[in-house]
Structures are given as structure tokens and as C-alpha cells.
Amino acid sequence: PMMLHYVSSKGAVIAMTRAMAREVGADNICVNAVAPGLTMSEGVVE
């Protein structure tokens, strides 16, 4: 909650990953995603 724009954008990333994988698989291109939890990056720490 409280981050709908960010959550929606990352949901789109997951959906795009799946769709792109199907579109480029025949070309031997793999498309995957990593879904991190809250990570203590510089942006979060600062």
C-alpha cells in the first residue's frame, strides 16, 4: 500500500517480462526478471 504508482509499474515489468520472453524466445533471447524485496540501496538509506 501507499505506493500504487510504483507497485503498478513493477507489475507491468513482470507482465512485460513474460510477454517479451514469448516474443523473442525463437531468437534465443531469454528475458527474465528479478523481484527484490526492500533493499538497503543508497536511495533507500538516504
All heavy atoms as atom14 arrays in JSON, in Angstrom:
{
  "sequence": "PMMLHYVSSKGAVIAMTRAMAREVGADNICVNAVAPGLTMSEGVVE",
  "atom14_mask": [
    [1, 1, 1, 1, 1, 1, 1, 0, 0, 0, 0, 0, 0, 0],
    [1, 1, 1, 1, 1, 1, 1, 1, 0, 0, 0, 0, 0, 0],
    [1, 1, 1, 1, 1, 1, 1, 1, 0, 0, 0, 0, 0, 0],
    [1, 1, 1, 1, 1, 1, 1, 1, 0, 0, 0, 0, 0, 0],
    [1, 1, 1, 1, 1, 1, 1, 1, 1, 1, 0, 0, 0, 0],
    [1, 1, 1, 1, 1, 1, 1, 1, 1, 1, 1, 1, 0, 0],
    [1, 1, 1, 1, 1, 1, 1, 0, 0, 0, 0, 0, 0, 0],
    [1, 1, 1, 1, 1, 1, 0, 0, 0, 0, 0, 0, 0, 0],
    [1, 1, 1, 1, 1, 1, 0, 0, 0, 0, 0, 0, 0, 0],
    [1, 1, 1, 1, 1, 1, 1, 1, 1, 0, 0, 0, 0, 0],
    [1, 1, 1, 1, 0, 0, 0, 0, 0, 0, 0, 0, 0, 0],
    [1, 1, 1, 1, 1, 0, 0, 0, 0, 0, 0, 0, 0, 0],
    [1, 1, 1, 1, 1, 1, 1, 0, 0, 0, 0, 0, 0, 0],
    [1, 1, 1, 1, 1, 1, 1, 1, 0, 0, 0, 0, 0, 0],
    [1, 1, 1, 1, 1, 0, 0, 0, 0, 0, 0, 0, 0, 0],
    [1, 1, 1, 1, 1, 1, 1, 1, 0, 0, 0, 0, 0, 0],
    [1, 1, 1, 1, 1, 1, 1, 0, 0, 0, 0, 0, 0, 0],
    [1, 1, 1, 1, 1, 1, 1, 1, 1, 1, 1, 0, 0, 0],
    [1, 1, 1, 1, 1, 0, 0, 0, 0, 0, 0, 0, 0, 0],
    [1, 1, 1, 1, 1, 1, 1, 1, 0, 0, 0, 0, 0, 0],
    [1, 1, 1, 1, 1, 0, 0, 0, 0, 0, 0, 0, 0, 0],
    [1, 1, 1, 1, 1, 1, 1, 1, 1, 1, 1, 0, 0, 0],
    [1, 1, 1, 1, 1, 1, 1, 1, 1, 0, 0, 0, 0, 0],
    [1, 1, 1, 1, 1, 1, 1, 0, 0, 0, 0, 0, 0, 0],
    [1, 1, 1, 1, 0, 0, 0, 0, 0, 0, 0, 0, 0, 0],
    [1, 1, 1, 1, 1, 0, 0, 0, 0, 0, 0, 0, 0, 0],
    [1, 1, 1, 1, 1, 1, 1, 1, 0, 0, 0, 0, 0, 0],
    [1, 1, 1, 1, 1, 1, 1, 1, 0, 0, 0, 0, 0, 0],
    [1, 1, 1, 1, 1, 1, 1, 1, 0, 0, 0, 0, 0, 0],
    [1, 1, 1, 1, 1, 1, 0, 0, 0, 0, 0, 0, 0, 0],
    [1, 1, 1, 1, 1, 1, 1, 0, 0, 0, 0, 0, 0, 0],
    [1, 1, 1, 1, 1, 1, 1, 1, 0, 0, 0, 0, 0, 0],
    [1, 1, 1, 1, 1, 0, 0, 0, 0, 0, 0, 0, 0, 0],
    [1, 1, 1, 1, 1, 1, 1, 0, 0, 0, 0, 0, 0, 0],
    [1, 1, 1, 1, 1, 0, 0, 0, 0, 0, 0, 0, 0, 0],
    [1, 1, 1, 1, 1, 1, 1, 0, 0, 0, 0, 0, 0, 0],
    [1, 1, 1, 1, 0, 0, 0, 0, 0, 0, 0, 0, 0, 0],
    [1, 1, 1, 1, 1, 1, 1, 1, 0, 0, 0, 0, 0, 0],
    [1, 1, 1, 1, 1, 1, 1, 0, 0, 0, 0, 0, 0, 0],
    [1, 1, 1, 1, 1, 1, 1, 1, 0, 0, 0, 0, 0, 0],
    [1, 1, 1, 1, 1, 1, 0, 0, 0, 0, 0, 0, 0, 0],
    [1, 1, 1, 1, 1, 1, 1, 1, 1, 0, 0, 0, 0, 0],
    [1, 1, 1, 1, 0, 0, 0, 0, 0, 0, 0, 0, 0, 0],
    [1, 1, 1, 1, 1, 1, 1, 0, 0, 0, 0, 0, 0, 0],
    [1, 1, 1, 1, 1, 1, 1, 0, 0, 0, 0, 0, 0, 0],
    [1, 1, 1, 1, 1, 1, 1, 1, 1, 0, 0, 0, 0, 0]
  ],
  "atom14_positions": [
    [[0.81, -1.21, 0.0], [0.0, 0.0, 0.0], [0.85, 1.27, 0.0], [2.04, 1.24, 0.31], [-0.79, -0.11, 1.31], [0.09, -0.92, 2.21], [0.82, -1.88, 1.3], [0.0, 0.0, 0.0], [0.0, 0.0, 0.0], [0.0, 0.0, 0.0], [0.0, 0.0, 0.0], [0.0, 0.0, 0.0], [0.0, 0.0, 0.0], [0.0, 0.0, 0.0]],
    [[0.22, 2.36, -0.35], [0.79, 3.71, -0.28], [1.87, 3.97, -1.34], [2.62, 4.92, -1.24], [1.37, 4.0, 1.12], [0.42, 3.71, 2.27], [-1.08, 4.7, 2.2], [-0.45, 6.22, 2.89], [0.0, 0.0, 0.0], [0.0, 0.0, 0.0], [0.0, 0.0, 0.0], [0.0, 0.0, 0.0], [0.0, 0.0, 0.0], [0.0, 0.0, 0.0]],
    [[1.92, 3.12, -2.37], [2.9, 3.27, -3.44], [2.31, 2.77, -4.76], [2.98, 2.09, -5.52], [4.17, 2.47, -3.11], [4.85, 2.84, -1.84], [6.3, 1.81, -1.54], [7.37, 2.39, -2.83], [0.0, 0.0, 0.0], [0.0, 0.0, 0.0], [0.0, 0.0, 0.0], [0.0, 0.0, 0.0], [0.0, 0.0, 0.0], [0.0, 0.0, 0.0]],
    [[1.05, 3.09, -5.03], [0.35, 2.48, -6.16], [1.07, 2.68, -7.49], [1.13, 1.76, -8.31], [-1.08, 3.0, -6.27], [-1.91, 2.34, -7.36], [-2.15, 0.88, -7.05], [-3.22, 3.07, -7.55], [0.0, 0.0, 0.0], [0.0, 0.0, 0.0], [0.0, 0.0, 0.0], [0.0, 0.0, 0.0], [0.0, 0.0, 0.0], [0.0, 0.0, 0.0]],
    [[1.64, 3.86, -7.71], [2.32, 4.09, -8.98], [3.55, 3.19, -9.12], [3.76, 2.58, -10.18], [2.68, 5.55, -9.17], [3.29, 6.26, -8.01], [3.47, 5.72, -6.75], [3.78, 7.51, -7.93], [4.02, 6.61, -5.95], [4.24, 7.71, -6.66], [0.0, 0.0, 0.0], [0.0, 0.0, 0.0], [0.0, 0.0, 0.0], [0.0, 0.0, 0.0]],
    [[4.32, 3.05, -8.06], [5.5, 2.19, -8.11], [5.09, 0.72, -8.23], [5.62, -0.01, -9.07], [6.36, 2.4, -6.86], [7.59, 1.52, -6.86], [8.68, 1.85, -7.65], [7.64, 0.36, -6.11], [9.8, 1.03, -7.68], [8.76, -0.46, -6.13], [9.84, -0.12, -6.92], [10.95, -0.92, -6.96], [0.0, 0.0, 0.0], [0.0, 0.0, 0.0]],
    [[4.13, 0.3, -7.42], [3.66, -1.09, -7.46], [3.11, -1.42, -8.85], [3.43, -2.48, -9.41], [2.58, -1.32, -6.37], [1.94, -2.69, -6.51], [3.17, -1.14, -4.98], [0.0, 0.0, 0.0], [0.0, 0.0, 0.0], [0.0, 0.0, 0.0], [0.0, 0.0, 0.0], [0.0, 0.0, 0.0], [0.0, 0.0, 0.0], [0.0, 0.0, 0.0]],
    [[2.34, -0.53, -9.42], [1.77, -0.75, -10.75], [2.87, -0.84, -11.81], [2.81, -1.69, -12.71], [0.8, 0.37, -11.12], [-0.28, 0.39, -10.22], [0.0, 0.0, 0.0], [0.0, 0.0, 0.0], [0.0, 0.0, 0.0], [0.0, 0.0, 0.0], [0.0, 0.0, 0.0], [0.0, 0.0, 0.0], [0.0, 0.0, 0.0], [0.0, 0.0, 0.0]],
    [[3.87, 0.0, -11.68], [4.96, -0.02, -12.67], [5.73, -1.34, -12.6], [6.11, -1.91, -13.63], [5.91, 1.17, -12.47], [6.74, 1.01, -11.33], [0.0, 0.0, 0.0], [0.0, 0.0, 0.0], [0.0, 0.0, 0.0], [0.0, 0.0, 0.0], [0.0, 0.0, 0.0], [0.0, 0.0, 0.0], [0.0, 0.0, 0.0], [0.0, 0.0, 0.0]],
    [[5.94, -1.86, -11.4], [6.68, -3.12, -11.27], [5.81, -4.32, -11.65], [6.33, -5.34, -12.11], [7.27, -3.25, -9.86], [8.36, -2.2, -9.61], [9.46, -2.26, -10.66], [10.58, -1.29, -10.4], [11.75, -1.54, -11.25], [0.0, 0.0, 0.0], [0.0, 0.0, 0.0], [0.0, 0.0, 0.0], [0.0, 0.0, 0.0], [0.0, 0.0, 0.0]],
    [[4.5, -4.2, -11.49], [3.61, -5.22, -12.02], [3.69, -5.25, -13.54], [3.69, -6.33, -14.16], [0.0, 0.0, 0.0], [0.0, 0.0, 0.0], [0.0, 0.0, 0.0], [0.0, 0.0, 0.0], [0.0, 0.0, 0.0], [0.0, 0.0, 0.0], [0.0, 0.0, 0.0], [0.0, 0.0, 0.0], [0.0, 0.0, 0.0], [0.0, 0.0, 0.0]],
    [[3.79, -4.08, -14.14], [3.97, -4.0, -15.59], [5.28, -4.64, -16.01], [5.35, -5.32, -17.05], [3.9, -2.55, -16.06], [0.0, 0.0, 0.0], [0.0, 0.0, 0.0], [0.0, 0.0, 0.0], [0.0, 0.0, 0.0], [0.0, 0.0, 0.0], [0.0, 0.0, 0.0], [0.0, 0.0, 0.0], [0.0, 0.0, 0.0], [0.0, 0.0, 0.0]],
    [[6.34, -4.47, -15.23], [7.63, -5.09, -15.55], [7.5, -6.61, -15.58], [8.03, -7.27, -16.48], [8.73, -4.63, -14.56], [10.0, -5.46, -14.7], [9.03, -3.14, -14.74], [0.0, 0.0, 0.0], [0.0, 0.0, 0.0], [0.0, 0.0, 0.0], [0.0, 0.0, 0.0], [0.0, 0.0, 0.0], [0.0, 0.0, 0.0], [0.0, 0.0, 0.0]],
    [[6.8, -7.17, -14.62], [6.6, -8.63, -14.58], [5.82, -9.08, -15.81], [6.2, -10.05, -16.48], [5.91, -9.05, -13.27], [6.86, -8.8, -12.09], [5.47, -10.51, -13.34], [6.21, -8.92, -10.73], [0.0, 0.0, 0.0], [0.0, 0.0, 0.0], [0.0, 0.0, 0.0], [0.0, 0.0, 0.0], [0.0, 0.0, 0.0], [0.0, 0.0, 0.0]],
    [[4.76, -8.37, -16.15], [3.96, -8.74, -17.33], [4.76, -8.56, -18.61], [4.7, -9.42, -19.51], [2.69, -7.88, -17.37], [0.0, 0.0, 0.0], [0.0, 0.0, 0.0], [0.0, 0.0, 0.0], [0.0, 0.0, 0.0], [0.0, 0.0, 0.0], [0.0, 0.0, 0.0], [0.0, 0.0, 0.0], [0.0, 0.0, 0.0], [0.0, 0.0, 0.0]],
    [[5.54, -7.49, -18.71], [6.36, -7.26, -19.9], [7.41, -8.35, -20.04], [7.7, -8.79, -21.16], [7.02, -5.89, -19.81], [6.04, -4.74, -19.93], [6.78, -3.14, -19.52], [7.9, -2.92, -20.89], [0.0, 0.0, 0.0], [0.0, 0.0, 0.0], [0.0, 0.0, 0.0], [0.0, 0.0, 0.0], [0.0, 0.0, 0.0], [0.0, 0.0, 0.0]],
    [[7.97, -8.78, -18.93], [8.98, -9.84, -18.97], [8.39, -11.1, -19.59], [9.0, -11.73, -20.46], [9.5, -10.12, -17.54], [10.15, -8.94, -17.06], [10.45, -11.3, -17.5], [0.0, 0.0, 0.0], [0.0, 0.0, 0.0], [0.0, 0.0, 0.0], [0.0, 0.0, 0.0], [0.0, 0.0, 0.0], [0.0, 0.0, 0.0], [0.0, 0.0, 0.0]],
    [[7.21, -11.48, -19.16], [6.56, -12.69, -19.68], [6.25, -12.56, -21.17], [6.51, -13.47, -21.96], [5.28, -12.97, -18.9], [5.55, -13.39, -17.48], [4.27, -13.52, -16.68], [4.57, -13.94, -15.32], [3.75, -13.78, -14.31], [2.55, -13.26, -14.51], [4.1, -14.19, -13.1], [0.0, 0.0, 0.0], [0.0, 0.0, 0.0], [0.0, 0.0, 0.0]],
    [[5.68, -11.42, -21.55], [5.3, -11.22, -22.95], [6.53, -11.12, -23.86], [6.56, -11.72, -24.94], [4.43, -9.97, -23.09], [0.0, 0.0, 0.0], [0.0, 0.0, 0.0], [0.0, 0.0, 0.0], [0.0, 0.0, 0.0], [0.0, 0.0, 0.0], [0.0, 0.0, 0.0], [0.0, 0.0, 0.0], [0.0, 0.0, 0.0], [0.0, 0.0, 0.0]],
    [[7.55, -10.38, -23.44], [8.75, -10.26, -24.26], [9.44, -11.61, -24.42], [9.96, -11.93, -25.5], [9.73, -9.24, -23.67], [9.28, -7.81, -23.87], [10.56, -6.55, -23.52], [11.1, -6.96, -21.9], [0.0, 0.0, 0.0], [0.0, 0.0, 0.0], [0.0, 0.0, 0.0], [0.0, 0.0, 0.0], [0.0, 0.0, 0.0], [0.0, 0.0, 0.0]],
    [[9.46, -12.41, -23.36], [10.09, -13.73, -23.44], [9.45, -14.56, -24.55], [10.15, -15.26, -25.29], [10.0, -14.46, -22.1], [0.0, 0.0, 0.0], [0.0, 0.0, 0.0], [0.0, 0.0, 0.0], [0.0, 0.0, 0.0], [0.0, 0.0, 0.0], [0.0, 0.0, 0.0], [0.0, 0.0, 0.0], [0.0, 0.0, 0.0], [0.0, 0.0, 0.0]],
    [[8.15, -14.49, -24.66], [7.45, -15.25, -25.7], [7.72, -14.69, -27.09], [7.77, -15.42, -28.07], [5.96, -15.28, -25.41], [5.66, -16.12, -24.17], [4.2, -16.5, -24.11], [3.96, -17.41, -23.02], [4.06, -18.73, -23.09], [4.42, -19.31, -24.21], [3.8, -19.48, -22.04], [0.0, 0.0, 0.0], [0.0, 0.0, 0.0], [0.0, 0.0, 0.0]],
    [[7.89, -13.38, -27.18], [8.13, -12.77, -28.5], [9.53, -13.02, -29.03], [9.71, -13.08, -30.25], [7.87, -11.26, -28.44], [6.41, -10.91, -28.34], [6.13, -9.45, -28.63], [6.78, -8.86, -29.51], [5.25, -8.89, -27.94], [0.0, 0.0, 0.0], [0.0, 0.0, 0.0], [0.0, 0.0, 0.0], [0.0, 0.0, 0.0], [0.0, 0.0, 0.0]],
    [[10.52, -13.13, -28.15], [11.91, -13.23, -28.62], [12.54, -14.59, -28.36], [13.69, -14.81, -28.69], [12.79, -12.11, -28.04], [12.28, -10.73, -28.46], [12.9, -12.21, -26.52], [0.0, 0.0, 0.0], [0.0, 0.0, 0.0], [0.0, 0.0, 0.0], [0.0, 0.0, 0.0], [0.0, 0.0, 0.0], [0.0, 0.0, 0.0], [0.0, 0.0, 0.0]],
    [[11.79, -15.5, -27.79], [12.33, -16.82, -27.49], [12.84, -17.56, -28.71], [13.88, -18.23, -28.66], [0.0, 0.0, 0.0], [0.0, 0.0, 0.0], [0.0, 0.0, 0.0], [0.0, 0.0, 0.0], [0.0, 0.0, 0.0], [0.0, 0.0, 0.0], [0.0, 0.0, 0.0], [0.0, 0.0, 0.0], [0.0, 0.0, 0.0], [0.0, 0.0, 0.0]],
    [[12.15, -17.45, -29.82], [12.58, -18.14, -31.04], [13.92, -17.61, -31.55], [14.59, -18.27, -32.33], [11.52, -17.99, -32.13], [0.0, 0.0, 0.0], [0.0, 0.0, 0.0], [0.0, 0.0, 0.0], [0.0, 0.0, 0.0], [0.0, 0.0, 0.0], [0.0, 0.0, 0.0], [0.0, 0.0, 0.0], [0.0, 0.0, 0.0], [0.0, 0.0, 0.0]],
    [[14.32, -16.44, -31.07], [15.61, -15.83, -31.45], [16.71, -16.17, -30.45], [17.79, -15.57, -30.5], [15.45, -14.31, -31.55], [14.42, -13.93, -32.6], [14.6, -14.3, -33.78], [13.43, -13.25, -32.24], [0.0, 0.0, 0.0], [0.0, 0.0, 0.0], [0.0, 0.0, 0.0], [0.0, 0.0, 0.0], [0.0, 0.0, 0.0], [0.0, 0.0, 0.0]],
    [[16.42, -17.08, -29.52], [17.39, -17.5, -28.5], [17.75, -16.34, -27.56], [18.89, -16.22, -27.11], [18.64, -18.11, -29.13], [19.38, -19.01, -28.16], [18.78, -19.65, -27.3], [20.68, -19.03, -28.27], [0.0, 0.0, 0.0], [0.0, 0.0, 0.0], [0.0, 0.0, 0.0], [0.0, 0.0, 0.0], [0.0, 0.0, 0.0], [0.0, 0.0, 0.0]],
    [[16.76, -15.52, -27.28], [16.91, -14.43, -26.33], [16.06, -14.77, -25.12], [14.87, -15.06, -25.25], [16.46, -13.08, -26.92], [17.28, -12.75, -28.17], [16.57, -11.97, -25.88], [16.74, -11.58, -28.98], [0.0, 0.0, 0.0], [0.0, 0.0, 0.0], [0.0, 0.0, 0.0], [0.0, 0.0, 0.0], [0.0, 0.0, 0.0], [0.0, 0.0, 0.0]],
    [[16.69, -14.78, -23.95], [15.98, -15.06, -22.7], [15.66, -13.74, -22.01], [16.53, -12.87, -21.88], [16.84, -15.92, -21.78], [17.23, -17.54, -22.46], [0.0, 0.0, 0.0], [0.0, 0.0, 0.0], [0.0, 0.0, 0.0], [0.0, 0.0, 0.0], [0.0, 0.0, 0.0], [0.0, 0.0, 0.0], [0.0, 0.0, 0.0], [0.0, 0.0, 0.0]],
    [[14.43, -13.61, -21.53], [14.0, -12.42, -20.81], [13.46, -12.88, -19.46], [12.51, -13.67, -19.4], [12.91, -11.64, -21.58], [12.56, -10.35, -20.84], [13.35, -11.35, -23.01], [0.0, 0.0, 0.0], [0.0, 0.0, 0.0], [0.0, 0.0, 0.0], [0.0, 0.0, 0.0], [0.0, 0.0, 0.0], [0.0, 0.0, 0.0], [0.0, 0.0, 0.0]],
    [[14.07, -12.4, -18.4], [13.66, -12.76, -17.04], [13.65, -11.52, -16.18], [14.14, -10.45, -16.57], [14.63, -13.8, -16.46], [14.5, -15.13, -17.15], [13.5, -15.81, -17.02], [15.53, -15.49, -17.93], [0.0, 0.0, 0.0], [0.0, 0.0, 0.0], [0.0, 0.0, 0.0], [0.0, 0.0, 0.0], [0.0, 0.0, 0.0], [0.0, 0.0, 0.0]],
    [[13.09, -11.66, -14.99], [13.06, -10.55, -14.04], [13.53, -11.02, -12.67], [13.41, -12.19, -12.33], [11.64, -9.98, -13.92], [0.0, 0.0, 0.0], [0.0, 0.0, 0.0], [0.0, 0.0, 0.0], [0.0, 0.0, 0.0], [0.0, 0.0, 0.0], [0.0, 0.0, 0.0], [0.0, 0.0, 0.0], [0.0, 0.0, 0.0], [0.0, 0.0, 0.0]],
    [[14.05, -10.09, -11.93], [14.4, -10.28, -10.53], [13.47, -9.35, -9.75], [13.34, -8.18, -10.09], [15.88, -9.92, -10.28], [16.2, -9.92, -8.8], [16.79, -10.89, -11.02], [0.0, 0.0, 0.0], [0.0, 0.0, 0.0], [0.0, 0.0, 0.0], [0.0, 0.0, 0.0], [0.0, 0.0, 0.0], [0.0, 0.0, 0.0], [0.0, 0.0, 0.0]],
    [[12.83, -9.89, -8.72], [11.94, -9.09, -7.88], [12.53, -9.01, -6.48], [12.31, -9.9, -5.65], [10.54, -9.7, -7.84], [0.0, 0.0, 0.0], [0.0, 0.0, 0.0], [0.0, 0.0, 0.0], [0.0, 0.0, 0.0], [0.0, 0.0, 0.0], [0.0, 0.0, 0.0], [0.0, 0.0, 0.0], [0.0, 0.0, 0.0], [0.0, 0.0, 0.0]],
    [[13.3, -7.96, -6.22], [13.87, -7.81, -4.88], [12.82, -7.34, -3.88], [11.86, -6.66, -4.24], [14.93, -6.72, -5.04], [14.97, -6.37, -6.48], [13.75, -6.94, -7.13], [0.0, 0.0, 0.0], [0.0, 0.0, 0.0], [0.0, 0.0, 0.0], [0.0, 0.0, 0.0], [0.0, 0.0, 0.0], [0.0, 0.0, 0.0], [0.0, 0.0, 0.0]],
    [[13.04, -7.7, -2.63], [12.3, -7.08, -1.54], [12.98, -5.76, -1.22], [13.94, -5.36, -1.89], [0.0, 0.0, 0.0], [0.0, 0.0, 0.0], [0.0, 0.0, 0.0], [0.0, 0.0, 0.0], [0.0, 0.0, 0.0], [0.0, 0.0, 0.0], [0.0, 0.0, 0.0], [0.0, 0.0, 0.0], [0.0, 0.0, 0.0], [0.0, 0.0, 0.0]],
    [[12.49, -5.09, -0.2], [13.09, -3.82, 0.2], [14.59, -4.02, 0.44], [14.99, -4.85, 1.25], [12.42, -3.28, 1.47], [12.97, -1.96, 1.99], [12.77, -0.84, 0.98], [12.3, -1.61, 3.31], [0.0, 0.0, 0.0], [0.0, 0.0, 0.0], [0.0, 0.0, 0.0], [0.0, 0.0, 0.0], [0.0, 0.0, 0.0], [0.0, 0.0, 0.0]],
    [[15.39, -3.29, -0.3], [16.84, -3.43, -0.27], [17.45, -2.12, 0.19], [17.03, -1.04, -0.25], [17.36, -3.81, -1.67], [16.71, -5.02, -2.09], [18.86, -4.0, -1.68], [0.0, 0.0, 0.0], [0.0, 0.0, 0.0], [0.0, 0.0, 0.0], [0.0, 0.0, 0.0], [0.0, 0.0, 0.0], [0.0, 0.0, 0.0], [0.0, 0.0, 0.0]],
    [[18.44, -2.2, 1.03], [19.05, -1.01, 1.61], [20.03, -0.37, 0.61], [21.24, -0.28, 0.85], [19.74, -1.35, 2.94], [18.8, -1.97, 3.97], [17.23, -1.09, 4.2], [17.8, 0.44, 4.87], [0.0, 0.0, 0.0], [0.0, 0.0, 0.0], [0.0, 0.0, 0.0], [0.0, 0.0, 0.0], [0.0, 0.0, 0.0], [0.0, 0.0, 0.0]],
    [[19.49, 0.08, -0.49], [20.26, 0.78, -1.51], [20.54, 2.2, -1.02], [19.97, 2.66, -0.03], [19.48, 0.83, -2.81], [18.3, 1.61, -2.64], [0.0, 0.0, 0.0], [0.0, 0.0, 0.0], [0.0, 0.0, 0.0], [0.0, 0.0, 0.0], [0.0, 0.0, 0.0], [0.0, 0.0, 0.0], [0.0, 0.0, 0.0], [0.0, 0.0, 0.0]],
    [[21.4, 2.9, -1.73], [21.69, 4.3, -1.36], [20.42, 5.13, -1.34], [20.23, 5.94, -0.45], [22.7, 4.9, -2.34], [24.11, 4.4, -2.18], [25.06, 5.05, -3.18], [24.78, 6.16, -3.67], [26.1, 4.41, -3.47], [0.0, 0.0, 0.0], [0.0, 0.0, 0.0], [0.0, 0.0, 0.0], [0.0, 0.0, 0.0], [0.0, 0.0, 0.0]],
    [[19.55, 4.92, -2.34], [18.32, 5.68, -2.41], [17.41, 5.47, -1.22], [16.78, 6.4, -0.72], [0.0, 0.0, 0.0], [0.0, 0.0, 0.0], [0.0, 0.0, 0.0], [0.0, 0.0, 0.0], [0.0, 0.0, 0.0], [0.0, 0.0, 0.0], [0.0, 0.0, 0.0], [0.0, 0.0, 0.0], [0.0, 0.0, 0.0], [0.0, 0.0, 0.0]],
    [[17.34, 4.25, -0.73], [16.5, 3.94, 0.44], [17.16, 4.49, 1.7], [16.5, 5.12, 2.53], [16.25, 2.43, 0.56], [15.59, 2.08, 1.88], [15.38, 1.95, -0.59], [0.0, 0.0, 0.0], [0.0, 0.0, 0.0], [0.0, 0.0, 0.0], [0.0, 0.0, 0.0], [0.0, 0.0, 0.0], [0.0, 0.0, 0.0], [0.0, 0.0, 0.0]],
    [[18.45, 4.26, 1.84], [19.17, 4.69, 3.05], [19.14, 6.21, 3.19], [18.94, 6.74, 4.29], [20.62, 4.16, 3.04], [21.45, 4.78, 4.15], [20.63, 2.64, 3.14], [0.0, 0.0, 0.0], [0.0, 0.0, 0.0], [0.0, 0.0, 0.0], [0.0, 0.0, 0.0], [0.0, 0.0, 0.0], [0.0, 0.0, 0.0], [0.0, 0.0, 0.0]],
    [[19.31, 6.92, 2.09], [19.39, 8.38, 2.12], [18.02, 9.06, 2.12], [17.92, 10.25, 2.34], [20.22, 8.89, 0.94], [21.67, 8.45, 1.04], [22.46, 8.75, -0.23], [21.89, 9.33, -1.18], [23.65, 8.39, -0.26], [0.0, 0.0, 0.0], [0.0, 0.0, 0.0], [0.0, 0.0, 0.0], [0.0, 0.0, 0.0], [0.0, 0.0, 0.0]]
  ]
}
